[in-house]
Amino acid sequence: IDNDLYGSDICIGVDTALNIAIEAIDRLKTTASALHRAFVVEVMGRECGYLAMMAGIAGGAEAISIPEIELDPEALAGEIRAAYARGKPHALVVVSEGAKYNGMALAHHFEKEDLGFEIRLTILGHVQRGGAPTVADRLLGTRLGFEAASRLLKGESGALVGMNAGEVITTPLSKVAANGKKLDPRLLELAGIMAL
């Protein structure tokens, strides 16, 4: 569900995990606004910050912390203070479990800070892995599964079946293992702009 496999634009389970994260974020934002609090929401993603990045952008986070880019907790504190000074009724930080400053680390760091808001931590953890899959994941699984079974019946193996630009493709496993999937740095720029 981390969407970290080279050879596929989107992996099975990603859409479901993101929808679960967004549902939780929406619920927490309601509570945060009512009580004038800041929430740090930790999502899954040990080595890949895709879930945190997308959930943060879609959920309107003031800041996002991912493993790929080290976050300065003092700069993050400044973002939360700025949200408070602008009169926002809440603040939201979405972090990946694998970030150096994950949920626990940020909550601990902020214990001694005056951010305007009280800070609360929510760790979604394996809740993101359960539940009914979205329609998008069901269709993706069906398309990729059909292609994988078809290729196996033809005697083909040793490849990842994935989706690229809306087309089902295969990538040799050696190429998948040798290449890491990188996050688009423009997403961080977008997240910063949307937080204002």
Protein backbone atom coordinates (compact mmCIF):
# COMPACT_ATOMS: atom_id res chain seq x y z
CA ILE A 1 0.00 0.00 0.00
CA ASP A 2 3.03 2.32 0.16
CA ASN A 3 3.01 2.72 -3.65
CA ASP A 4 6.73 2.11 -3.75
CA LEU A 5 7.04 -0.51 -6.50
CA TYR A 6 8.93 0.51 -9.60
CA GLY A 7 7.00 -0.54 -12.69
CA SER A 8 3.52 0.60 -11.66
CA ASP A 9 2.09 4.08 -11.30
CA ILE A 10 -0.30 2.83 -8.64
CA CYS A 11 -0.24 -0.33 -6.53
CA ILE A 12 -3.15 -2.41 -5.31
CA GLY A 13 -4.36 -1.17 -1.93
CA VAL A 14 -3.12 2.41 -2.24
CA ASP A 15 -6.50 3.94 -3.05
CA THR A 16 -8.16 2.09 -0.18
CA ALA A 17 -5.43 3.14 2.29
CA LEU A 18 -5.68 6.77 1.16
CA ASN A 19 -9.46 6.79 1.49
CA ILE A 20 -9.20 5.38 5.01
CA ALA A 21 -6.61 8.04 5.90
CA ILE A 22 -8.74 10.85 4.45
CA GLU A 23 -11.84 9.66 6.29
CA ALA A 24 -9.87 9.71 9.55
CA ILE A 25 -8.37 13.12 8.77
CA ASP A 26 -11.79 14.59 7.97
CA ARG A 27 -13.17 13.29 11.28
CA LEU A 28 -10.16 14.60 13.20
CA LYS A 29 -10.40 18.01 11.54
CA THR A 30 -13.98 18.34 12.78
CA THR A 31 -12.85 17.62 16.33
CA ALA A 32 -9.77 19.81 15.94
CA SER A 33 -11.85 22.78 14.77
CA ALA A 34 -14.42 22.36 17.53
CA LEU A 35 -11.73 22.22 20.23
CA HIS A 36 -9.10 24.49 18.56
CA ARG A 37 -6.41 21.84 18.47
CA ALA A 38 -3.63 20.69 16.19
CA PHE A 39 -3.52 17.05 15.21
CA VAL A 40 -0.47 15.10 14.15
CA VAL A 41 -1.75 12.17 12.10
CA GLU A 42 0.70 9.35 11.41
CA VAL A 43 0.00 7.18 8.38
CA MET A 44 1.81 4.10 7.11
CA GLY A 45 4.90 4.36 4.95
CA ARG A 46 8.13 3.05 6.38
CA GLU A 47 10.44 4.07 3.53
CA CYS A 48 8.07 5.80 1.13
CA GLY A 49 6.10 8.93 1.95
CA TYR A 50 3.51 8.59 -0.82
CA LEU A 51 0.57 7.95 1.53
CA ALA A 52 1.50 10.85 3.81
CA MET A 53 2.07 13.18 0.86
CA MET A 54 -1.24 12.43 -0.85
CA ALA A 55 -3.26 12.32 2.37
CA GLY A 56 -1.64 15.58 3.48
CA ILE A 57 -2.43 17.37 0.22
CA ALA A 58 -5.97 16.00 -0.03
CA GLY A 59 -6.61 16.57 3.68
CA GLY A 60 -5.37 20.17 3.74
CA ALA A 61 -2.39 19.65 6.05
CA GLU A 62 -0.27 22.58 7.18
CA ALA A 63 2.77 20.32 6.94
CA ILE A 64 3.82 16.85 5.83
CA SER A 65 6.74 14.79 7.12
CA ILE A 66 8.08 11.99 4.91
CA PRO A 67 11.15 9.71 4.99
CA GLU A 68 12.53 11.10 1.71
CA ILE A 69 13.00 14.65 3.01
CA GLU A 70 14.15 15.51 6.51
CA LEU A 71 11.85 17.93 8.28
CA ASP A 72 13.00 20.67 10.63
CA PRO A 73 10.65 20.43 13.63
CA GLU A 74 11.19 24.10 14.46
CA ALA A 75 10.11 25.13 10.96
CA LEU A 76 7.06 22.92 11.41
CA ALA A 77 6.32 24.60 14.75
CA GLY A 78 6.45 27.90 12.86
CA GLU A 79 3.86 26.62 10.37
CA ILE A 80 1.52 25.64 13.19
CA ARG A 81 2.00 29.00 14.92
CA ALA A 82 1.33 30.77 11.61
CA ALA A 83 -1.92 28.82 11.16
CA TYR A 84 -2.95 29.86 14.66
CA ALA A 85 -2.02 33.51 13.97
CA ARG A 86 -4.09 33.47 10.75
CA GLY A 87 -7.09 32.50 12.86
CA LYS A 88 -7.43 28.93 11.66
CA PRO A 89 -9.58 26.91 14.06
CA HIS A 90 -7.22 23.92 13.80
CA ALA A 91 -3.92 22.72 12.36
CA LEU A 92 -3.07 19.39 10.77
CA VAL A 93 0.27 17.67 10.27
CA VAL A 94 0.42 14.38 8.36
CA VAL A 95 3.51 12.26 8.90
CA SER A 96 4.79 9.00 7.53
CA GLU A 97 5.67 6.33 10.09
CA GLY A 98 9.18 6.07 8.62
CA ALA A 99 10.01 9.78 8.79
CA LYS A 100 12.78 10.77 11.17
CA TYR A 101 10.22 12.98 12.88
CA ASN A 102 7.29 10.58 12.87
CA GLY A 103 4.17 11.06 14.99
CA MET A 104 5.72 10.16 18.34
CA ALA A 105 8.88 12.18 17.71
CA LEU A 106 6.89 15.28 16.73
CA ALA A 107 4.47 14.95 19.65
CA HIS A 108 7.42 14.61 22.03
CA HIS A 109 9.20 17.59 20.44
CA PHE A 110 6.09 19.78 20.69
CA GLU A 111 5.43 19.00 24.38
CA LYS A 112 7.55 21.98 25.44
CA GLU A 113 6.45 24.35 22.66
CA ASP A 114 3.77 27.05 22.77
CA LEU A 115 2.11 26.57 19.40
CA GLY A 116 -1.18 28.26 20.18
CA PHE A 117 -2.99 24.96 19.71
CA GLU A 118 -2.94 21.94 22.00
CA ILE A 119 -1.35 19.05 20.14
CA ARG A 120 -2.94 15.62 19.80
CA LEU A 121 -1.43 12.57 18.12
CA THR A 122 -3.32 9.92 16.16
CA ILE A 123 -1.49 6.92 14.73
CA LEU A 124 -3.59 5.17 12.10
CA GLY A 125 -1.23 2.21 11.79
CA HIS A 126 -2.64 -1.01 10.45
CA VAL A 127 -6.18 0.40 10.34
CA GLN A 128 -5.15 1.54 6.86
CA ARG A 129 -4.59 -2.05 5.74
CA GLY A 130 -8.02 -3.36 6.63
CA GLY A 131 -11.53 -2.75 5.46
CA ALA A 132 -13.39 -3.08 2.22
CA PRO A 133 -11.35 -2.14 -0.86
CA THR A 134 -12.46 0.83 -2.94
CA VAL A 135 -13.89 0.37 -6.41
CA ALA A 136 -10.60 1.65 -7.87
CA ASP A 137 -8.62 -1.02 -6.01
CA ARG A 138 -11.08 -3.76 -6.96
CA LEU A 139 -10.84 -2.84 -10.63
CA LEU A 140 -7.06 -2.50 -10.48
CA GLY A 141 -6.74 -5.89 -8.78
CA THR A 142 -9.02 -7.47 -11.37
CA ARG A 143 -7.10 -6.00 -14.32
CA LEU A 144 -3.66 -6.84 -12.93
CA GLY A 145 -4.74 -10.29 -11.74
CA PHE A 146 -6.22 -11.16 -15.12
CA GLU A 147 -3.04 -10.08 -16.90
CA ALA A 148 -0.82 -11.99 -14.46
CA ALA A 149 -2.89 -15.18 -14.85
CA SER A 150 -2.91 -14.83 -18.65
CA ARG A 151 0.87 -14.49 -18.76
CA LEU A 152 1.38 -17.43 -16.39
CA LEU A 153 -0.83 -19.60 -18.62
CA LYS A 154 1.45 -18.67 -21.54
CA GLY A 155 4.47 -19.81 -19.51
CA GLU A 156 5.73 -16.31 -18.74
CA SER A 157 7.02 -15.41 -15.30
CA GLY A 158 9.58 -13.23 -13.52
CA ALA A 159 7.78 -9.94 -14.10
CA LEU A 160 5.73 -7.43 -12.15
CA VAL A 161 2.35 -6.71 -13.67
CA GLY A 162 1.59 -3.04 -13.15
CA MET A 163 -0.30 -0.05 -14.43
CA ASN A 164 1.44 2.71 -16.36
CA ALA A 165 -0.48 5.65 -17.84
CA GLY A 166 -3.69 3.64 -17.74
CA GLU A 167 -2.20 0.62 -19.52
CA VAL A 168 -1.40 -2.76 -17.99
CA ILE A 169 2.33 -3.44 -18.46
CA THR A 170 4.97 -5.85 -17.22
CA THR A 171 8.42 -5.03 -15.87
CA PRO A 172 11.11 -7.66 -15.29
CA LEU A 173 11.55 -8.35 -11.57
CA SER A 174 15.29 -7.68 -11.89
CA LYS A 175 14.47 -4.14 -13.07
CA VAL A 176 11.89 -3.68 -10.29
CA ALA A 177 14.43 -4.75 -7.66
CA ALA A 178 17.20 -2.55 -9.11
CA ASN A 179 15.15 0.64 -9.24
CA GLY A 180 13.47 2.61 -6.53
CA LYS A 181 10.34 4.60 -7.11
CA LYS A 182 10.85 8.30 -6.40
CA LEU A 183 8.26 10.77 -5.18
CA ASP A 184 7.63 13.69 -7.49
CA PRO A 185 9.25 16.72 -5.75
CA ARG A 186 6.57 18.97 -7.24
CA LEU A 187 4.12 17.32 -4.82
CA LEU A 188 5.96 18.87 -1.85
CA GLU A 189 5.82 22.25 -3.56
CA LEU A 190 2.08 21.78 -4.13
CA ALA A 191 1.60 20.79 -0.48
CA GLY A 192 3.35 23.98 0.66
CA ILE A 193 1.24 26.18 -1.58
CA MET A 194 -2.01 24.50 -0.52
CA ALA A 195 -1.17 24.92 3.17
CA LEU A 196 -1.29 28.72 2.92
